């Protein structure tokens, strides 16, 4: 989490987490709204955050929806 915040500060590029339901969170959102999960000795052992789906932004609200007419796609 902290590494992603540092990456954003260093590169000035946005980082977003997109979940199965197309809910979107930023590293800051996760840091503020999340809580640390149990530390695991399996796998990499990296800590993880548990976050609620409430309060997440929807993908289309954040990034917009494509204009189908401009894409020349039949509707």
C-alpha atoms as a PDB file:
ATOM      1  CA  UNK A   1       0.000   0.000   0.000  1.00  0.00           C
ATOM      2  CA  UNK A   2       2.678   2.472   1.007  1.00  0.00           C
ATOM      3  CA  UNK A   3       4.704   1.443  -2.055  1.00  0.00           C
ATOM      4  CA  UNK A   4       1.810   2.370  -4.334  1.00  0.00           C
ATOM      5  CA  UNK A   5       1.440   5.767  -2.661  1.00  0.00           C
ATOM      6  CA  UNK A   6       5.181   6.330  -3.137  1.00  0.00           C
ATOM      7  CA  UNK A   7       4.906   5.257  -6.788  1.00  0.00           C
ATOM      8  CA  UNK A   8       2.121   7.791  -7.359  1.00  0.00           C
ATOM      9  CA  UNK A   9       4.205  10.546  -5.742  1.00  0.00           C
ATOM     10  CA  UNK A  10       7.354   9.628  -7.648  1.00  0.00           C
ATOM     11  CA  UNK A  11       5.901   9.074 -11.141  1.00  0.00           C
ATOM     12  CA  UNK A  12       2.869  11.382 -10.852  1.00  0.00           C
ATOM     13  CA  UNK A  13       0.853   8.609 -12.506  1.00  0.00           C
ATOM     14  CA  UNK A  14      -2.433   7.509 -10.957  1.00  0.00           C
ATOM     15  CA  UNK A  15      -2.808   4.021  -9.513  1.00  0.00           C
ATOM     16  CA  UNK A  16      -6.242   2.448  -9.137  1.00  0.00           C
ATOM     17  CA  UNK A  17      -7.477  -0.929  -7.957  1.00  0.00           C
ATOM     18  CA  UNK A  18     -10.367  -2.247 -10.063  1.00  0.00           C
ATOM     19  CA  UNK A  19     -12.407  -5.086  -8.563  1.00  0.00           C
ATOM     20  CA  UNK A  20     -14.699  -7.725 -10.086  1.00  0.00           C
ATOM     21  CA  UNK A  21     -17.827  -5.556  -9.973  1.00  0.00           C
ATOM     22  CA  UNK A  22     -15.888  -2.676 -11.594  1.00  0.00           C
ATOM     23  CA  UNK A  23     -15.684  -0.860  -8.278  1.00  0.00           C
ATOM     24  CA  UNK A  24     -12.607   1.371  -8.166  1.00  0.00           C
ATOM     25  CA  UNK A  25     -10.422   2.453  -5.255  1.00  0.00           C
ATOM     26  CA  UNK A  26      -7.217   4.454  -5.090  1.00  0.00           C
ATOM     27  CA  UNK A  27      -4.333   3.492  -2.771  1.00  0.00           C
ATOM     28  CA  UNK A  28      -5.347   6.374  -0.487  1.00  0.00           C
ATOM     29  CA  UNK A  29      -8.971   5.092  -0.391  1.00  0.00           C
ATOM     30  CA  UNK A  30      -7.743   1.659   0.663  1.00  0.00           C
ATOM     31  CA  UNK A  31      -5.391   3.078   3.271  1.00  0.00           C
ATOM     32  CA  UNK A  32      -8.157   5.193   4.824  1.00  0.00           C
ATOM     33  CA  UNK A  33     -11.100   2.784   4.489  1.00  0.00           C
ATOM     34  CA  UNK A  34      -9.294  -0.531   4.860  1.00  0.00           C
ATOM     35  CA  UNK A  35      -8.054  -2.469   7.788  1.00  0.00           C
ATOM     36  CA  UNK A  36      -5.120  -4.838   7.830  1.00  0.00           C
ATOM     37  CA  UNK A  37      -5.908  -8.495   7.415  1.00  0.00           C
ATOM     38  CA  UNK A  38      -4.209 -11.337   9.194  1.00  0.00           C
ATOM     39  CA  UNK A  39      -0.525 -11.775   8.432  1.00  0.00           C
ATOM     40  CA  UNK A  40       0.055 -14.944   6.446  1.00  0.00           C
ATOM     41  CA  UNK A  41       3.148 -17.122   6.462  1.00  0.00           C
ATOM     42  CA  UNK A  42       2.059 -18.733   3.187  1.00  0.00           C
ATOM     43  CA  UNK A  43       3.003 -17.348  -0.204  1.00  0.00           C
ATOM     44  CA  UNK A  44       4.930 -14.078  -0.171  1.00  0.00           C
ATOM     45  CA  UNK A  45       3.783 -13.284   3.353  1.00  0.00           C
ATOM     46  CA  UNK A  46       2.843  -9.776   2.266  1.00  0.00           C
ATOM     47  CA  UNK A  47       0.136  -8.101   4.360  1.00  0.00           C
ATOM     48  CA  UNK A  48      -3.225  -7.366   2.768  1.00  0.00           C
ATOM     49  CA  UNK A  49      -6.084  -4.958   3.413  1.00  0.00           C
ATOM     50  CA  UNK A  50      -9.765  -5.780   3.868  1.00  0.00           C
ATOM     51  CA  UNK A  51     -12.027  -3.115   2.401  1.00  0.00           C
ATOM     52  CA  UNK A  52     -15.769  -2.725   2.110  1.00  0.00           C
ATOM     53  CA  UNK A  53     -17.430  -2.297  -1.255  1.00  0.00           C
ATOM     54  CA  UNK A  54     -19.415   0.609   0.171  1.00  0.00           C
ATOM     55  CA  UNK A  55     -17.945   3.960  -0.718  1.00  0.00           C
ATOM     56  CA  UNK A  56     -16.098   2.696  -3.782  1.00  0.00           C
ATOM     57  CA  UNK A  57     -16.481   4.586  -7.015  1.00  0.00           C
ATOM     58  CA  UNK A  58     -17.934   2.886 -10.072  1.00  0.00           C
ATOM     59  CA  UNK A  59     -15.598   2.496 -13.038  1.00  0.00           C
ATOM     60  CA  UNK A  60     -17.758   4.498 -15.473  1.00  0.00           C
ATOM     61  CA  UNK A  61     -18.246   7.320 -12.965  1.00  0.00           C
ATOM     62  CA  UNK A  62     -14.491   7.715 -12.600  1.00  0.00           C
ATOM     63  CA  UNK A  63     -13.248   7.043 -16.129  1.00  0.00           C
ATOM     64  CA  UNK A  64     -16.382   7.865 -18.162  1.00  0.00           C
ATOM     65  CA  UNK A  65     -18.239   5.770 -20.662  1.00  0.00           C
ATOM     66  CA  UNK A  66     -17.221   5.448 -24.295  1.00  0.00           C
ATOM     67  CA  UNK A  67     -19.341   7.259 -26.848  1.00  0.00           C
ATOM     68  CA  UNK A  68     -20.620   4.359 -28.978  1.00  0.00           C
ATOM     69  CA  UNK A  69     -21.341   6.676 -31.937  1.00  0.00           C
ATOM     70  CA  UNK A  70     -17.714   7.849 -31.995  1.00  0.00           C
ATOM     71  CA  UNK A  71     -16.427   4.306 -31.849  1.00  0.00           C
ATOM     72  CA  UNK A  72     -18.450   3.469 -34.992  1.00  0.00           C
ATOM     73  CA  UNK A  73     -19.969   0.458 -33.257  1.00  0.00           C
ATOM     74  CA  UNK A  74     -23.492  -0.707 -33.986  1.00  0.00           C
ATOM     75  CA  UNK A  75     -25.723  -0.552 -30.936  1.00  0.00           C
END
